[in-house]
Amino acid sequence: PDAPLLLTDRRSNREQLRQDAPVSSAVHVIDTASLDSLPQDLTRALEQDPLRAARLEMREFYFDGIAPGESTTRFWSAVDTAIQDHDRALQDLKRVRTTTDPSSVEAREGS
């Protein structure tokens, strides 16, 4: 996105957050250490956007230069492909015939 991003860190462990979510290095992080300055940080993020260059670099890394909106198109295409693959797999299962051991049928019918 071209707009400032905010990320909450419920653990208040910036190093772990950076390992788990590298994007956190390019966005404003809200945690227990930053709560007192949150109003000023939000104003600064919205008015000055000091992390814009880092965020755009991270966007390039994650989205490989695709145009805005294209990732959504790719997502829905992947969902559609997955649904079609699933439907084909179900059709293949319907074509599978199984044989039943006659003695087990007799045992069930007799009970």
PDB file of N, CA and C in Angstrom:
ATOM      1  N   PRO A   1       0.820  -1.205   0.000  1.00  0.00           N
ATOM      2  CA  PRO A   1       0.000   0.000   0.000  1.00  0.00           C
ATOM      3  C   PRO A   1       0.854   1.255   0.000  1.00  0.00           C
ATOM      4  N   ASP A   2       0.285   2.291  -0.513  1.00  0.00           N
ATOM      5  CA  ASP A   2       0.991   3.562  -0.540  1.00  0.00           C
ATOM      6  C   ASP A   2       0.734   4.364   0.729  1.00  0.00           C
ATOM      7  N   ALA A   3      -0.257   3.971   1.506  1.00  0.00           N
ATOM      8  CA  ALA A   3      -0.589   4.680   2.743  1.00  0.00           C
ATOM      9  C   ALA A   3       0.215   4.118   3.910  1.00  0.00           C
ATOM     10  N   PRO A   4       0.410   4.931   4.938  1.00  0.00           N
ATOM     11  CA  PRO A   4       1.120   4.434   6.129  1.00  0.00           C
ATOM     12  C   PRO A   4       0.415   3.214   6.723  1.00  0.00           C
ATOM     13  N   LEU A   5       1.214   2.316   7.272  1.00  0.00           N
ATOM     14  CA  LEU A   5       0.676   1.117   7.914  1.00  0.00           C
ATOM     15  C   LEU A   5       1.058   1.108   9.384  1.00  0.00           C
ATOM     16  N   LEU A   6       0.194   0.519  10.174  1.00  0.00           N
ATOM     17  CA  LEU A   6       0.447   0.343  11.602  1.00  0.00           C
ATOM     18  C   LEU A   6       0.302  -1.136  11.908  1.00  0.00           C
ATOM     19  N   LEU A   7       1.147  -1.630  12.768  1.00  0.00           N
ATOM     20  CA  LEU A   7       1.129  -3.043  13.127  1.00  0.00           C
ATOM     21  C   LEU A   7       1.175  -3.147  14.637  1.00  0.00           C
ATOM     22  N   THR A   8       0.319  -3.963  15.207  1.00  0.00           N
ATOM     23  CA  THR A   8       0.342  -4.140  16.660  1.00  0.00           C
ATOM     24  C   THR A   8       1.174  -5.364  17.013  1.00  0.00           C
ATOM     25  N   ASP A   9       1.904  -5.240  18.099  1.00  0.00           N
ATOM     26  CA  ASP A   9       2.725  -6.335  18.597  1.00  0.00           C
ATOM     27  C   ASP A   9       2.228  -6.683  19.987  1.00  0.00           C
ATOM     28  N   ARG A  10       1.394  -7.689  20.070  1.00  0.00           N
ATOM     29  CA  ARG A  10       0.778  -8.057  21.344  1.00  0.00           C
ATOM     30  C   ARG A  10       1.794  -8.589  22.350  1.00  0.00           C
ATOM     31  N   ARG A  11       2.932  -9.052  21.852  1.00  0.00           N
ATOM     32  CA  ARG A  11       3.960  -9.583  22.760  1.00  0.00           C
ATOM     33  C   ARG A  11       4.935  -8.513  23.231  1.00  0.00           C
ATOM     34  N   SER A  12       4.927  -7.373  22.559  1.00  0.00           N
ATOM     35  CA  SER A  12       5.888  -6.303  22.852  1.00  0.00           C
ATOM     36  C   SER A  12       7.323  -6.820  22.808  1.00  0.00           C
ATOM     37  N   ASN A  13       7.600  -7.572  21.754  1.00  0.00           N
ATOM     38  CA  ASN A  13       8.932  -8.128  21.547  1.00  0.00           C
ATOM     39  C   ASN A  13       9.329  -7.812  20.105  1.00  0.00           C
ATOM     40  N   ARG A  14       9.936  -6.650  19.910  1.00  0.00           N
ATOM     41  CA  ARG A  14      10.239  -6.170  18.550  1.00  0.00           C
ATOM     42  C   ARG A  14      11.140  -7.125  17.779  1.00  0.00           C
ATOM     43  N   GLU A  15      12.133  -7.687  18.444  1.00  0.00           N
ATOM     44  CA  GLU A  15      13.054  -8.593  17.737  1.00  0.00           C
ATOM     45  C   GLU A  15      12.307  -9.827  17.227  1.00  0.00           C
ATOM     46  N   GLN A  16      11.462 -10.408  18.058  1.00  0.00           N
ATOM     47  CA  GLN A  16      10.679 -11.562  17.630  1.00  0.00           C
ATOM     48  C   GLN A  16       9.712 -11.171  16.517  1.00  0.00           C
ATOM     49  N   LEU A  17       9.113  -9.993  16.638  1.00  0.00           N
ATOM     50  CA  LEU A  17       8.206  -9.513  15.602  1.00  0.00           C
ATOM     51  C   LEU A  17       8.932  -9.367  14.268  1.00  0.00           C
ATOM     52  N   ARG A  18      10.118  -8.820  14.282  1.00  0.00           N
ATOM     53  CA  ARG A  18      10.882  -8.658  13.035  1.00  0.00           C
ATOM     54  C   ARG A  18      11.222 -10.012  12.409  1.00  0.00           C
ATOM     55  N   GLN A  19      11.464 -11.009  13.247  1.00  0.00           N
ATOM     56  CA  GLN A  19      11.727 -12.353  12.729  1.00  0.00           C
ATOM     57  C   GLN A  19      10.463 -12.978  12.153  1.00  0.00           C
ATOM     58  N   ASP A  20       9.356 -12.803  12.866  1.00  0.00           N
ATOM     59  CA  ASP A  20       8.086 -13.397  12.435  1.00  0.00           C
ATOM     60  C   ASP A  20       7.450 -12.651  11.269  1.00  0.00           C
ATOM     61  N   ALA A  21       7.613 -11.331  11.252  1.00  0.00           N
ATOM     62  CA  ALA A  21       6.963 -10.495  10.237  1.00  0.00           C
ATOM     63  C   ALA A  21       7.946  -9.423   9.774  1.00  0.00           C
ATOM     64  N   PRO A  22       8.788  -9.745   8.790  1.00  0.00           N
ATOM     65  CA  PRO A  22       9.783  -8.771   8.325  1.00  0.00           C
ATOM     66  C   PRO A  22       9.198  -7.430   7.917  1.00  0.00           C
ATOM     67  N   VAL A  23       7.938  -7.415   7.514  1.00  0.00           N
ATOM     68  CA  VAL A  23       7.300  -6.157   7.140  1.00  0.00           C
ATOM     69  C   VAL A  23       7.281  -5.179   8.310  1.00  0.00           C
ATOM     70  N   SER A  24       7.416  -5.675   9.519  1.00  0.00           N
ATOM     71  CA  SER A  24       7.378  -4.802  10.691  1.00  0.00           C
ATOM     72  C   SER A  24       8.524  -3.790  10.706  1.00  0.00           C
ATOM     73  N   SER A  25       9.570  -4.054   9.947  1.00  0.00           N
ATOM     74  CA  SER A  25      10.675  -3.091   9.895  1.00  0.00           C
ATOM     75  C   SER A  25      10.330  -1.871   9.043  1.00  0.00           C
ATOM     76  N   ALA A  26       9.208  -1.937   8.321  1.00  0.00           N
ATOM     77  CA  ALA A  26       8.841  -0.850   7.423  1.00  0.00           C
ATOM     78  C   ALA A  26       7.527  -0.180   7.810  1.00  0.00           C
ATOM     79  N   VAL A  27       7.028  -0.479   8.994  1.00  0.00           N
ATOM     80  CA  VAL A  27       5.765   0.099   9.445  1.00  0.00           C
ATOM     81  C   VAL A  27       5.903   0.553  10.893  1.00  0.00           C
ATOM     82  N   HIS A  28       4.975   1.403  11.305  1.00  0.00           N
ATOM     83  CA  HIS A  28       4.964   1.833  12.699  1.00  0.00           C
ATOM     84  C   HIS A  28       4.391   0.699  13.538  1.00  0.00           C
ATOM     85  N   VAL A  29       5.104   0.333  14.598  1.00  0.00           N
ATOM     86  CA  VAL A  29       4.669  -0.757  15.470  1.00  0.00           C
ATOM     87  C   VAL A  29       4.087  -0.173  16.757  1.00  0.00           C
ATOM     88  N   ILE A  30       2.919  -0.665  17.090  1.00  0.00           N
ATOM     89  CA  ILE A  30       2.265  -0.270  18.334  1.00  0.00           C
ATOM     90  C   ILE A  30       2.439  -1.422  19.320  1.00  0.00           C
ATOM     91  N   ASP A  31       3.065  -1.134  20.444  1.00  0.00           N
ATOM     92  CA  ASP A  31       3.233  -2.105  21.514  1.00  0.00           C
ATOM     93  C   ASP A  31       3.180  -1.370  22.848  1.00  0.00           C
ATOM     94  N   THR A  32       3.424  -2.062  23.928  1.00  0.00           N
ATOM     95  CA  THR A  32       3.325  -1.406  25.235  1.00  0.00           C
ATOM     96  C   THR A  32       4.318  -0.254  25.364  1.00  0.00           C
ATOM     97  N   ALA A  33       5.455  -0.352  24.701  1.00  0.00           N
ATOM     98  CA  ALA A  33       6.459   0.717  24.789  1.00  0.00           C
ATOM     99  C   ALA A  33       6.036   1.974  24.026  1.00  0.00           C
ATOM    100  N   SER A  34       5.163   1.826  23.043  1.00  0.00           N
ATOM    101  CA  SER A  34       4.788   2.983  22.226  1.00  0.00           C
ATOM    102  C   SER A  34       3.398   3.536  22.528  1.00  0.00           C
ATOM    103  N   LEU A  35       2.682   2.946  23.458  1.00  0.00           N
ATOM    104  CA  LEU A  35       1.313   3.400  23.740  1.00  0.00           C
ATOM    105  C   LEU A  35       1.250   4.861  24.181  1.00  0.00           C
ATOM    106  N   ASP A  36       2.183   5.286  25.021  1.00  0.00           N
ATOM    107  CA  ASP A  36       2.140   6.666  25.516  1.00  0.00           C
ATOM    108  C   ASP A  36       2.312   7.694  24.400  1.00  0.00           C
ATOM    109  N   SER A  37       3.055   7.333  23.373  1.00  0.00           N
ATOM    110  CA  SER A  37       3.300   8.279  22.278  1.00  0.00           C
ATOM    111  C   SER A  37       2.413   8.003  21.055  1.00  0.00           C
ATOM    112  N   LEU A  38       1.428   7.140  21.212  1.00  0.00           N
ATOM    113  CA  LEU A  38       0.586   6.751  20.073  1.00  0.00           C
ATOM    114  C   LEU A  38      -0.078   7.935  19.359  1.00  0.00           C
ATOM    115  N   PRO A  39      -0.700   8.882  20.040  1.00  0.00           N
ATOM    116  CA  PRO A  39      -1.321   9.997  19.302  1.00  0.00           C
ATOM    117  C   PRO A  39      -0.303  10.777  18.454  1.00  0.00           C
ATOM    118  N   GLN A  40       0.858  11.063  19.006  1.00  0.00           N
ATOM    119  CA  GLN A  40       1.884  11.792  18.251  1.00  0.00           C
ATOM    120  C   GLN A  40       2.431  10.930  17.108  1.00  0.00           C
ATOM    121  N   ASP A  41       2.609   9.635  17.381  1.00  0.00           N
ATOM    122  CA  ASP A  41       3.129   8.733  16.342  1.00  0.00           C
ATOM    123  C   ASP A  41       2.154   8.615  15.177  1.00  0.00           C
ATOM    124  N   LEU A  42       0.874   8.558  15.485  1.00  0.00           N
ATOM    125  CA  LEU A  42      -0.129   8.473  14.415  1.00  0.00           C
ATOM    126  C   LEU A  42      -0.146   9.749  13.584  1.00  0.00           C
ATOM    127  N   THR A  43      -0.092  10.874  14.254  1.00  0.00           N
ATOM    128  CA  THR A  43      -0.067  12.156  13.535  1.00  0.00           C
ATOM    129  C   THR A  43       1.157  12.223  12.632  1.00  0.00           C
ATOM    130  N   ARG A  44       2.301  11.848  13.170  1.00  0.00           N
ATOM    131  CA  ARG A  44       3.549  11.866  12.383  1.00  0.00           C
ATOM    132  C   ARG A  44       3.466  10.902  11.193  1.00  0.00           C
ATOM    133  N   ALA A  45       2.921   9.712  11.430  1.00  0.00           N
ATOM    134  CA  ALA A  45       2.797   8.722  10.352  1.00  0.00           C
ATOM    135  C   ALA A  45       1.897   9.245   9.235  1.00  0.00           C
ATOM    136  N   LEU A  46       0.797   9.874   9.615  1.00  0.00           N
ATOM    137  CA  LEU A  46      -0.147  10.361   8.613  1.00  0.00           C
ATOM    138  C   LEU A  46       0.314  11.638   7.913  1.00  0.00           C
ATOM    139  N   GLU A  47       0.976  12.513   8.643  1.00  0.00           N
ATOM    140  CA  GLU A  47       1.370  13.797   8.055  1.00  0.00           C
ATOM    141  C   GLU A  47       2.737  13.758   7.382  1.00  0.00           C
ATOM    142  N   GLN A  48       3.670  13.004   7.945  1.00  0.00           N
ATOM    143  CA  GLN A  48       5.039  13.004   7.401  1.00  0.00           C
ATOM    144  C   GLN A  48       5.407  11.689   6.719  1.00  0.00           C
ATOM    145  N   ASP A  49       4.804  10.600   7.139  1.00  0.00           N
ATOM    146  CA  ASP A  49       5.054   9.272   6.578  1.00  0.00           C
ATOM    147  C   ASP A  49       6.554   8.962   6.472  1.00  0.00           C
ATOM    148  N   PRO A  50       7.278   8.979   7.592  1.00  0.00           N
ATOM    149  CA  PRO A  50       8.720   8.774   7.545  1.00  0.00           C
ATOM    150  C   PRO A  50       9.148   7.377   7.098  1.00  0.00           C
ATOM    151  N   LEU A  51       8.257   6.401   7.134  1.00  0.00           N
ATOM    152  CA  LEU A  51       8.623   5.039   6.732  1.00  0.00           C
ATOM    153  C   LEU A  51       8.180   4.700   5.305  1.00  0.00           C
ATOM    154  N   ARG A  52       7.764   5.706   4.552  1.00  0.00           N
ATOM    155  CA  ARG A  52       7.246   5.465   3.195  1.00  0.00           C
ATOM    156  C   ARG A  52       8.253   4.735   2.307  1.00  0.00           C
ATOM    157  N   ALA A  53       9.493   5.201   2.258  1.00  0.00           N
ATOM    158  CA  ALA A  53      10.499   4.575   1.387  1.00  0.00           C
ATOM    159  C   ALA A  53      10.722   3.114   1.782  1.00  0.00           C
ATOM    160  N   ALA A  54      10.828   2.850   3.076  1.00  0.00           N
ATOM    161  CA  ALA A  54      11.025   1.470   3.545  1.00  0.00           C
ATOM    162  C   ALA A  54       9.811   0.606   3.215  1.00  0.00           C
ATOM    163  N   ARG A  55       8.602   1.176   3.376  1.00  0.00           N
ATOM    164  CA  ARG A  55       7.371   0.436   3.082  1.00  0.00           C
ATOM    165  C   ARG A  55       7.273   0.103   1.596  1.00  0.00           C
ATOM    166  N   LEU A  56       7.624   1.059   0.736  1.00  0.00           N
ATOM    167  CA  LEU A  56       7.571   0.802  -0.708  1.00  0.00           C
ATOM    168  C   LEU A  56       8.606  -0.242  -1.118  1.00  0.00           C
ATOM    169  N   GLU A  57       9.745  -0.213  -0.466  1.00  0.00           N
ATOM    170  CA  GLU A  57      10.772  -1.236  -0.732  1.00  0.00           C
ATOM    171  C   GLU A  57      10.263  -2.616  -0.308  1.00  0.00           C
ATOM    172  N   MET A  58       9.631  -2.667   0.842  1.00  0.00           N
ATOM    173  CA  MET A  58       9.072  -3.927   1.323  1.00  0.00           C
ATOM    174  C   MET A  58       7.945  -4.387   0.403  1.00  0.00           C
ATOM    175  N   ARG A  59       7.141  -3.462  -0.086  1.00  0.00           N
ATOM    176  CA  ARG A  59       6.068  -3.810  -1.021  1.00  0.00           C
ATOM    177  C   ARG A  59       6.655  -4.439  -2.282  1.00  0.00           C
ATOM    178  N   GLU A  60       7.724  -3.859  -2.780  1.00  0.00           N
ATOM    179  CA  GLU A  60       8.404  -4.406  -3.962  1.00  0.00           C
ATOM    180  C   GLU A  60       8.888  -5.827  -3.674  1.00  0.00           C
ATOM    181  N   PHE A  61       9.441  -6.031  -2.493  1.00  0.00           N
ATOM    182  CA  PHE A  61       9.942  -7.357  -2.108  1.00  0.00           C
ATOM    183  C   PHE A  61       8.809  -8.381  -2.083  1.00  0.00           C
ATOM    184  N   TYR A  62       7.704  -8.033  -1.432  1.00  0.00           N
ATOM    185  CA  TYR A  62       6.600  -8.979  -1.281  1.00  0.00           C
ATOM    186  C   TYR A  62       5.801  -9.171  -2.561  1.00  0.00           C
ATOM    187  N   PHE A  63       5.601  -8.094  -3.328  1.00  0.00           N
ATOM    188  CA  PHE A  63       4.713  -8.177  -4.481  1.00  0.00           C
ATOM    189  C   PHE A  63       5.429  -8.117  -5.820  1.00  0.00           C
ATOM    190  N   ASP A  64       6.753  -8.038  -5.806  1.00  0.00           N
ATOM    191  CA  ASP A  64       7.560  -8.153  -7.017  1.00  0.00           C
ATOM    192  C   ASP A  64       7.161  -7.164  -8.110  1.00  0.00           C
ATOM    193  N   GLY A  65       6.821  -5.961  -7.721  1.00  0.00           N
ATOM    194  CA  GLY A  65       6.557  -4.915  -8.695  1.00  0.00           C
ATOM    195  C   GLY A  65       5.242  -5.005  -9.425  1.00  0.00           C
ATOM    196  N   ILE A  66       4.322  -5.838  -8.972  1.00  0.00           N
ATOM    197  CA  ILE A  66       3.039  -5.908  -9.665  1.00  0.00           C
ATOM    198  C   ILE A  66       2.232  -4.645  -9.380  1.00  0.00           C
ATOM    199  N   ALA A  67       1.374  -4.324 -10.293  1.00  0.00           N
ATOM    200  CA  ALA A  67       0.564  -3.105 -10.184  1.00  0.00           C
ATOM    201  C   ALA A  67      -0.454  -3.234  -9.061  1.00  0.00           C
ATOM    202  N   PRO A  68      -0.824  -2.112  -8.450  1.00  0.00           N
ATOM    203  CA  PRO A  68      -1.861  -2.162  -7.419  1.00  0.00           C
ATOM    204  C   PRO A  68      -3.125  -2.833  -7.956  1.00  0.00           C
ATOM    205  N   GLY A  69      -3.680  -3.725  -7.174  1.00  0.00           N
ATOM    206  CA  GLY A  69      -4.872  -4.465  -7.581  1.00  0.00           C
ATOM    207  C   GLY A  69      -4.573  -5.781  -8.261  1.00  0.00           C
ATOM    208  N   GLU A  70      -3.381  -5.908  -8.833  1.00  0.00           N
ATOM    209  CA  GLU A  70      -3.044  -7.141  -9.538  1.00  0.00           C
ATOM    210  C   GLU A  70      -2.922  -8.320  -8.572  1.00  0.00           C
ATOM    211  N   SER A  71      -2.461  -8.057  -7.348  1.00  0.00           N
ATOM    212  CA  SER A  71      -2.347  -9.156  -6.386  1.00  0.00           C
ATOM    213  C   SER A  71      -3.734  -9.722  -6.070  1.00  0.00           C
ATOM    214  N   THR A  72      -4.748  -8.865  -6.030  1.00  0.00           N
ATOM    215  CA  THR A  72      -6.109  -9.330  -5.789  1.00  0.00           C
ATOM    216  C   THR A  72      -6.579 -10.198  -6.950  1.00  0.00           C
ATOM    217  N   THR A  73      -6.280  -9.776  -8.163  1.00  0.00           N
ATOM    218  CA  THR A  73      -6.641 -10.558  -9.345  1.00  0.00           C
ATOM    219  C   THR A  73      -5.947 -11.911  -9.311  1.00  0.00           C
ATOM    220  N   ARG A  74      -4.672 -11.918  -8.973  1.00  0.00           N
ATOM    221  CA  ARG A  74      -3.932 -13.186  -8.871  1.00  0.00           C
ATOM    222  C   ARG A  74      -4.508 -14.079  -7.775  1.00  0.00           C
ATOM    223  N   PHE A  75      -4.883 -13.476  -6.648  1.00  0.00           N
ATOM    224  CA  PHE A  75      -5.464 -14.246  -5.553  1.00  0.00           C
ATOM    225  C   PHE A  75      -6.738 -14.947  -6.011  1.00  0.00           C
ATOM    226  N   TRP A  76      -7.659 -14.189  -6.623  1.00  0.00           N
ATOM    227  CA  TRP A  76      -8.928 -14.792  -7.046  1.00  0.00           C
ATOM    228  C   TRP A  76      -8.714 -15.828  -8.141  1.00  0.00           C
ATOM    229  N   SER A  77      -7.736 -15.628  -8.973  1.00  0.00           N
ATOM    230  CA  SER A  77      -7.412 -16.628  -9.994  1.00  0.00           C
ATOM    231  C   SER A  77      -6.919 -17.919  -9.336  1.00  0.00           C
ATOM    232  N   ALA A  78      -6.085 -17.788  -8.315  1.00  0.00           N
ATOM    233  CA  ALA A  78      -5.588 -18.963  -7.597  1.00  0.00           C
ATOM    234  C   ALA A  78      -6.723 -19.680  -6.876  1.00  0.00           C
ATOM    235  N   VAL A  79      -7.660 -18.919  -6.297  1.00  0.00           N
ATOM    236  CA  VAL A  79      -8.818 -19.521  -5.634  1.00  0.00           C
ATOM    237  C   VAL A  79      -9.658 -20.287  -6.657  1.00  0.00           C
ATOM    238  N   ASP A  80      -9.888 -19.677  -7.813  1.00  0.00           N
ATOM    239  CA  ASP A  80     -10.666 -20.323  -8.862  1.00  0.00           C
ATOM    240  C   ASP A  80      -9.996 -21.613  -9.325  1.00  0.00           C
ATOM    241  N   THR A  81      -8.686 -21.572  -9.510  1.00  0.00           N
ATOM    242  CA  THR A  81      -7.942 -22.771  -9.915  1.00  0.00           C
ATOM    243  C   THR A  81      -8.053 -23.865  -8.861  1.00  0.00           C
ATOM    244  N   ALA A  82      -7.942 -23.488  -7.593  1.00  0.00           N
ATOM    245  CA  ALA A  82      -8.054 -24.462  -6.506  1.00  0.00           C
ATOM    246  C   ALA A  82      -9.438 -25.108  -6.484  1.00  0.00           C
ATOM    247  N   ILE A  83     -10.469 -24.315  -6.716  1.00  0.00           N
ATOM    248  CA  ILE A  83     -11.833 -24.854  -6.742  1.00  0.00           C
ATOM    249  C   ILE A  83     -11.991 -25.816  -7.918  1.00  0.00           C
ATOM    250  N   GLN A  84     -11.487 -25.445  -9.080  1.00  0.00           N
ATOM    251  CA  GLN A  84     -11.572 -26.325 -10.243  1.00  0.00           C
ATOM    252  C   GLN A  84     -10.813 -27.626 -10.006  1.00  0.00           C
ATOM    253  N   ASP A  85      -9.619 -27.534  -9.415  1.00  0.00           N
ATOM    254  CA  ASP A  85      -8.834 -28.738  -9.095  1.00  0.00           C
ATOM    255  C   ASP A  85      -9.600 -29.632  -8.123  1.00  0.00           C
ATOM    256  N   HIS A  86     -10.224 -29.012  -7.130  1.00  0.00           N
ATOM    257  CA  HIS A  86     -11.016 -29.756  -6.145  1.00  0.00           C
ATOM    258  C   HIS A  86     -12.184 -30.466  -6.826  1.00  0.00           C
ATOM    259  N   ASP A  87     -12.888 -29.740  -7.691  1.00  0.00           N
ATOM    260  CA  ASP A  87     -14.032 -30.332  -8.390  1.00  0.00           C
ATOM    261  C   ASP A  87     -13.600 -31.495  -9.279  1.00  0.00           C
ATOM    262  N   ARG A  88     -12.460 -31.349  -9.968  1.00  0.00           N
ATOM    263  CA  ARG A  88     -11.951 -32.445 -10.803  1.00  0.00           C
ATOM    264  C   ARG A  88     -11.590 -33.657  -9.940  1.00  0.00           C
ATOM    265  N   ALA A  89     -10.980 -33.420  -8.803  1.00  0.00           N
ATOM    266  CA  ALA A  89     -10.613 -34.520  -7.907  1.00  0.00           C
ATOM    267  C   ALA A  89     -11.862 -35.252  -7.420  1.00  0.00           C
ATOM    268  N   LEU A  90     -12.931 -34.507  -7.128  1.00  0.00           N
ATOM    269  CA  LEU A  90     -14.180 -35.156  -6.714  1.00  0.00           C
ATOM    270  C   LEU A  90     -14.758 -35.999  -7.838  1.00  0.00           C
ATOM    271  N   GLN A  91     -14.699 -35.486  -9.052  1.00  0.00           N
ATOM    272  CA  GLN A  91     -15.193 -36.249 -10.194  1.00  0.00           C
ATOM    273  C   GLN A  91     -14.394 -37.533 -10.368  1.00  0.00           C
ATOM    274  N   ASP A  92     -13.087 -37.451 -10.182  1.00  0.00           N
ATOM    275  CA  ASP A  92     -12.239 -38.641 -10.291  1.00  0.00           C
ATOM    276  C   ASP A  92     -12.610 -39.662  -9.217  1.00  0.00           C
ATOM    277  N   LEU A  93     -12.927 -39.199  -8.020  1.00  0.00           N
ATOM    278  CA  LEU A  93     -13.325 -40.119  -6.952  1.00  0.00           C
ATOM    279  C   LEU A  93     -14.632 -40.834  -7.286  1.00  0.00           C
ATOM    280  N   LYS A  94     -15.544 -40.143  -7.943  1.00  0.00           N
ATOM    281  CA  LYS A  94     -16.831 -40.743  -8.284  1.00  0.00           C
ATOM    282  C   LYS A  94     -16.668 -41.858  -9.310  1.00  0.00           C
ATOM    283  N   ARG A  95     -15.582 -41.817 -10.074  1.00  0.00           N
ATOM    284  CA  ARG A  95     -15.337 -42.843 -11.086  1.00  0.00           C
ATOM    285  C   ARG A  95     -14.680 -44.084 -10.500  1.00  0.00           C
ATOM    286  N   VAL A  96     -14.206 -44.012  -9.292  1.00  0.00           N
ATOM    287  CA  VAL A  96     -13.531 -45.144  -8.667  1.00  0.00           C
ATOM    288  C   VAL A  96     -14.582 -46.137  -8.195  1.00  0.00           C
ATOM    289  N   ARG A  97     -14.430 -47.368  -8.615  1.00  0.00           N
ATOM    290  CA  ARG A  97     -15.341 -48.426  -8.198  1.00  0.00           C
ATOM    291  C   ARG A  97     -14.622 -49.299  -7.178  1.00  0.00           C
ATOM    292  N   THR A  98     -15.347 -49.694  -6.172  1.00  0.00           N
ATOM    293  CA  THR A  98     -14.763 -50.581  -5.179  1.00  0.00           C
ATOM    294  C   THR A  98     -15.533 -51.889  -5.175  1.00  0.00           C
ATOM    295  N   THR A  99     -14.844 -52.924  -4.824  1.00  0.00           N
ATOM    296  CA  THR A  99     -15.502 -54.223  -4.700  1.00  0.00           C
ATOM    297  C   THR A  99     -15.634 -54.527  -3.226  1.00  0.00           C
ATOM    298  N   THR A 100     -16.644 -55.241  -2.915  1.00  0.00           N
ATOM    299  CA  THR A 100     -16.894 -55.594  -1.525  1.00  0.00           C
ATOM    300  C   THR A 100     -16.734 -57.095  -1.364  1.00  0.00           C
ATOM    301  N   ASP A 101     -16.093 -57.485  -0.322  1.00  0.00           N
ATOM    302  CA  ASP A 101     -15.937 -58.898   0.003  1.00  0.00           C
ATOM    303  C   ASP A 101     -17.321 -59.469   0.288  1.00  0.00           C
ATOM    304  N   PRO A 102     -17.785 -60.489  -0.492  1.00  0.00           N
ATOM    305  CA  PRO A 102     -19.138 -61.020  -0.312  1.00  0.00           C
ATOM    306  C   PRO A 102     -19.392 -61.517   1.106  1.00  0.00           C
ATOM    307  N   SER A 103     -18.378 -62.043   1.752  1.00  0.00           N
ATOM    308  CA  SER A 103     -18.603 -62.562   3.105  1.00  0.00           C
ATOM    309  C   SER A 103     -18.907 -61.432   4.086  1.00  0.00           C
ATOM    310  N   SER A 104     -18.339 -60.236   3.859  1.00  0.00           N
ATOM    311  CA  SER A 104     -18.637 -59.134   4.770  1.00  0.00           C
ATOM    312  C   SER A 104     -20.040 -58.608   4.538  1.00  0.00           C
ATOM    313  N   VAL A 105     -20.534 -58.682   3.282  1.00  0.00           N
ATOM    314  CA  VAL A 105     -21.902 -58.263   2.992  1.00  0.00           C
ATOM    315  C   VAL A 105     -22.870 -59.201   3.673  1.00  0.00           C
ATOM    316  N   GLU A 106     -22.598 -60.510   3.564  1.00  0.00           N
ATOM    317  CA  GLU A 106     -23.473 -61.490   4.202  1.00  0.00           C
ATOM    318  C   GLU A 106     -23.478 -61.306   5.703  1.00  0.00           C
ATOM    319  N   ALA A 107     -22.319 -61.015   6.272  1.00  0.00           N
ATOM    320  CA  ALA A 107     -22.243 -60.829   7.726  1.00  0.00           C
ATOM    321  C   ALA A 107     -23.074 -59.616   8.155  1.00  0.00           C
ATOM    322  N   ARG A 108     -23.036 -58.566   7.365  1.00  0.00           N
ATOM    323  CA  ARG A 108     -23.811 -57.358   7.710  1.00  0.00           C
ATOM    324  C   ARG A 108     -25.300 -57.610   7.535  1.00  0.00           C
ATOM    325  N   GLU A 109     -25.656 -58.336   6.449  1.00  0.00           N
ATOM    326  CA  GLU A 109     -27.079 -58.583   6.207  1.00  0.00           C
ATOM    327  C   GLU A 109     -27.667 -59.510   7.248  1.00  0.00           C
ATOM    328  N   GLY A 110     -26.881 -60.394   7.768  1.00  0.00           N
ATOM    329  CA  GLY A 110     -27.365 -61.330   8.776  1.00  0.00           C
ATOM    330  C   GLY A 110     -27.493 -60.724  10.149  1.00  0.00           C
ATOM    331  N   SER A 111     -26.883 -59.552  10.367  1.00  0.00           N
ATOM    332  CA  SER A 111     -26.974 -58.978  11.702  1.00  0.00           C
ATOM    333  C   SER A 111     -28.154 -58.079  11.855  1.00  0.00           C
TER     334      SER A 111
END
